[in-house]
Protein backbone atom coordinates (compact mmCIF):
# COMPACT_ATOMS: atom_id res chain seq x y z
CA MET A 1 12.18 -27.24 -7.00
CA SER A 2 15.18 -25.26 -5.85
CA THR A 3 16.14 -25.19 -2.21
CA GLN A 4 18.33 -22.13 -2.57
CA ARG A 5 17.85 -19.61 0.22
CA TYR A 6 18.16 -15.89 -0.29
CA THR A 7 19.15 -13.39 2.37
CA PRO A 8 16.56 -10.90 3.59
CA GLU A 9 18.71 -8.11 2.16
CA PHE A 10 18.71 -9.76 -1.28
CA LYS A 11 14.93 -10.15 -1.17
CA ALA A 12 14.43 -6.58 0.02
CA GLU A 13 16.56 -5.19 -2.80
CA ALA A 14 14.72 -7.29 -5.39
CA VAL A 15 11.36 -6.09 -4.06
CA ARG A 16 12.60 -2.49 -3.96
CA GLN A 17 13.51 -2.66 -7.64
CA VAL A 18 9.98 -3.78 -8.49
CA VAL A 19 8.00 -1.60 -6.09
CA GLU A 20 10.00 1.63 -5.92
CA ARG A 21 11.91 1.68 -9.18
CA GLY A 22 9.12 0.33 -11.36
CA TYR A 23 10.89 -2.57 -13.04
CA SER A 24 8.79 -5.55 -14.06
CA VAL A 25 8.87 -8.71 -11.99
CA ALA A 26 9.96 -10.73 -15.03
CA GLU A 27 12.85 -8.38 -15.74
CA ILE A 28 14.18 -8.39 -12.18
CA ALA A 29 13.68 -12.14 -11.80
CA ALA A 30 15.68 -12.79 -14.97
CA ARG A 31 18.38 -10.32 -13.99
CA LEU A 32 18.80 -11.79 -10.50
CA GLY A 33 18.31 -15.42 -11.48
CA VAL A 34 15.26 -16.09 -9.33
CA SER A 35 11.88 -17.43 -10.36
CA THR A 36 9.10 -14.98 -11.05
CA HIS A 37 6.95 -16.97 -8.64
CA SER A 38 9.41 -16.34 -5.80
CA LEU A 39 9.68 -12.66 -6.60
CA TYR A 40 5.90 -12.28 -6.73
CA LYS A 41 5.69 -13.93 -3.30
CA TRP A 42 8.32 -11.56 -1.90
CA VAL A 43 6.52 -8.52 -3.33
CA SER A 44 3.13 -9.62 -2.01
CA ALA A 45 4.64 -10.26 1.42
CA VAL A 46 5.72 -6.64 1.82
CA THR A 47 2.92 -4.81 0.04
CA PRO A 48 -0.34 -4.35 1.91
CA ASP A 49 -3.28 -6.42 0.83
CA LYS A 50 -5.68 -4.48 -1.39
CA SER A 51 -8.62 -5.21 0.87
CA GLU A 52 -6.59 -4.04 3.87
CA LYS A 53 -5.68 -0.85 2.05
CA GLN A 54 -9.28 -0.29 0.98
CA ALA A 55 -10.48 -0.79 4.55
CA SER A 56 -7.94 1.75 5.77
CA GLU A 57 -9.00 4.27 3.12
CA LEU A 58 -12.67 3.70 3.97
CA LEU A 59 -12.00 4.30 7.66
CA GLU A 60 -10.13 7.52 6.84
CA ALA A 61 -12.98 8.69 4.60
CA LYS A 62 -15.60 7.96 7.26
CA SER A 63 -13.66 9.85 9.91
CA GLU A 64 -13.27 12.81 7.57
CA ILE A 65 -17.01 12.78 6.83
CA LEU A 66 -17.77 12.85 10.56
CA ARG A 67 -15.32 15.71 11.07
CA LEU A 68 -16.80 17.70 8.18
CA ARG A 69 -20.36 17.13 9.38
CA ALA A 70 -19.44 18.44 12.83
CA GLN A 71 -17.77 21.45 11.24
CA MET A 72 -20.84 22.06 9.06
CA ARG A 73 -23.17 21.95 12.11
CA ARG A 74 -20.93 24.42 13.94
CA LEU A 75 -20.84 26.78 10.97
CA GLU A 76 -24.62 26.54 10.52
CA GLU A 77 -25.08 27.46 14.18
CA GLU A 78 -22.74 30.43 13.77
CA ARG A 79 -24.63 31.50 10.65
CA ASP A 80 -27.98 31.24 12.45
CA ILE A 81 -26.65 33.36 15.32
CA LEU A 82 -25.53 36.07 12.90
CA LYS A 83 -28.91 36.26 11.12
């Protein structure tokens, strides 16, 4: 097991190449001379957990549903007044 330490800047650039530029983990790991395991750990440390992301999306969807229901009630009341 290697005890080599990498700077935060080095890790950030490696992760950026995978996440933003779309290179594969294996390709970047080989190019930079790091293990794929390390690079996967770095990527997972900066990307949100899927369940966390899903919870956030669910919360956004629920709040939008509530907003749309309130808007629908208001519009139905306006429609009923105009009848």
